[in-house]
Amino acid sequence: MCAGYVSAMKHTHTCPKCAARKFLVQPDFHLPDHRSRNRVFRLPAFSFELSDEDRETRGGFEAWTCASCGFTEWYATSLDAVDASMSRGKVRVLDASSPQGPIYR
């Protein structure tokens, strides 16, 4: 993150780099298929290898780009479809929320 980063453009509607308030938003980001003119692929947030020949993708990305300076923030979407156990240890869940119960020192 850049120095002085306060909060996400998506929530503040202000660019943290130049303070502009005009954005280009692509809610479902796709990549072109280099083998075809007409096909595109959704950029997955997660990709899991199920076997040597089979791969499963989950989630996607939303891109917010400042129309003034080009600063871009990416947001993963459809995370409810992600099961980290499918990753065979390549994706881990880090829950940094407050501990439940009393704190022991």
Protein backbone atom coordinates (compact mmCIF):
# COMPACT_ATOMS: atom_id res chain seq x y z
CA MET A 1 0.00 0.00 0.00
CA CYS A 2 1.14 3.52 -0.65
CA ALA A 3 2.16 5.79 2.20
CA GLY A 4 -0.76 7.70 3.63
CA TYR A 5 -3.33 5.19 2.37
CA VAL A 6 -6.47 5.86 4.36
CA SER A 7 -9.29 3.72 2.98
CA ALA A 8 -10.62 2.08 -0.14
CA MET A 9 -11.79 4.12 -3.14
CA LYS A 10 -14.82 1.86 -3.36
CA HIS A 11 -16.07 3.10 0.02
CA THR A 12 -14.79 6.69 0.18
CA HIS A 13 -15.19 7.54 -3.54
CA THR A 14 -11.92 9.43 -3.28
CA CYS A 15 -8.59 8.38 -4.83
CA PRO A 16 -6.00 7.95 -2.04
CA LYS A 17 -3.22 9.00 -4.43
CA CYS A 18 -4.55 12.20 -6.03
CA ALA A 19 -7.89 12.87 -4.24
CA ALA A 20 -9.86 12.77 -7.51
CA ARG A 21 -13.45 11.55 -7.38
CA LYS A 22 -14.02 10.13 -10.88
CA PHE A 23 -13.50 6.39 -11.48
CA LEU A 24 -13.65 3.71 -14.12
CA VAL A 25 -15.27 0.64 -12.56
CA GLN A 26 -15.21 -2.79 -14.13
CA PRO A 27 -17.42 -5.00 -11.93
CA ASP A 28 -16.51 -8.33 -13.51
CA PHE A 29 -12.93 -8.26 -14.83
CA HIS A 30 -12.14 -10.46 -17.85
CA LEU A 31 -8.95 -11.31 -19.75
CA PRO A 32 -8.86 -11.86 -23.52
CA ASP A 33 -8.21 -15.34 -24.87
CA HIS A 34 -5.05 -14.92 -26.96
CA ARG A 35 -6.09 -17.84 -29.16
CA SER A 36 -9.45 -16.32 -30.12
CA ARG A 37 -10.69 -12.85 -31.03
CA ASN A 38 -14.10 -13.28 -29.48
CA ARG A 39 -13.49 -15.17 -26.25
CA VAL A 40 -12.69 -13.76 -22.85
CA PHE A 41 -12.04 -15.43 -19.52
CA ARG A 42 -13.13 -14.17 -16.12
CA LEU A 43 -10.08 -13.44 -13.99
CA PRO A 44 -10.56 -15.81 -11.03
CA ALA A 45 -9.71 -14.82 -7.49
CA PHE A 46 -8.70 -18.41 -6.72
CA SER A 47 -7.71 -21.41 -8.80
CA PHE A 48 -7.55 -24.91 -7.34
CA GLU A 49 -5.82 -27.92 -8.89
CA LEU A 50 -8.18 -30.85 -8.39
CA SER A 51 -6.05 -33.34 -10.33
CA ASP A 52 -3.29 -33.29 -12.95
CA GLU A 53 -5.84 -32.50 -15.67
CA ASP A 54 -8.61 -30.73 -13.78
CA ARG A 55 -8.68 -27.22 -12.30
CA GLU A 56 -11.50 -25.36 -10.53
CA THR A 57 -11.72 -21.56 -10.37
CA ARG A 58 -13.74 -19.56 -7.85
CA GLY A 59 -14.54 -15.91 -7.31
CA GLY A 60 -13.61 -13.01 -9.52
CA PHE A 61 -12.30 -9.46 -9.44
CA GLU A 62 -13.76 -5.99 -9.58
CA ALA A 63 -11.40 -3.18 -10.62
CA TRP A 64 -11.70 0.46 -9.56
CA THR A 65 -9.37 2.81 -11.47
CA CYS A 66 -8.95 6.53 -10.85
CA ALA A 67 -9.80 8.32 -14.12
CA SER A 68 -7.27 11.04 -13.26
CA CYS A 69 -4.06 9.27 -12.19
CA GLY A 70 -4.72 5.60 -13.02
CA PHE A 71 -4.33 4.29 -9.47
CA THR A 72 -6.22 0.98 -9.33
CA GLU A 73 -7.70 -1.04 -6.50
CA TRP A 74 -8.78 -4.65 -6.94
CA TYR A 75 -11.56 -6.29 -4.95
CA ALA A 76 -12.19 -10.03 -4.89
CA THR A 77 -15.84 -10.94 -5.47
CA SER A 78 -17.99 -14.03 -4.85
CA LEU A 79 -15.80 -15.17 -1.96
CA ASP A 80 -18.68 -17.15 -0.49
CA ALA A 81 -17.98 -19.74 -3.23
CA VAL A 82 -14.37 -20.23 -2.07
CA ASP A 83 -13.52 -23.29 0.03
CA ALA A 84 -9.88 -22.94 1.13
CA SER A 85 -9.68 -26.66 1.85
CA MET A 86 -9.80 -27.26 -1.94
CA SER A 87 -6.40 -25.57 -2.28
CA ARG A 88 -4.42 -28.39 -0.67
CA GLY A 89 -2.73 -25.92 1.68
CA LYS A 90 -1.95 -23.23 -0.92
CA VAL A 91 -4.60 -20.86 0.47
CA ARG A 92 -4.97 -20.32 4.17
CA VAL A 93 -7.64 -18.53 6.13
CA LEU A 94 -6.33 -15.95 8.61
CA ASP A 95 -8.97 -14.82 11.08
CA ALA A 96 -7.55 -11.81 12.94
CA SER A 97 -10.83 -10.88 14.58
CA SER A 98 -10.95 -10.30 18.31
CA PRO A 99 -10.53 -13.43 20.41
CA GLN A 100 -13.65 -14.81 22.06
CA GLY A 101 -13.63 -15.00 25.82
CA PRO A 102 -11.13 -13.69 28.37
CA ILE A 103 -7.59 -12.82 27.42
CA TYR A 104 -4.88 -14.68 29.37
CA ARG A 105 -1.49 -13.10 29.94
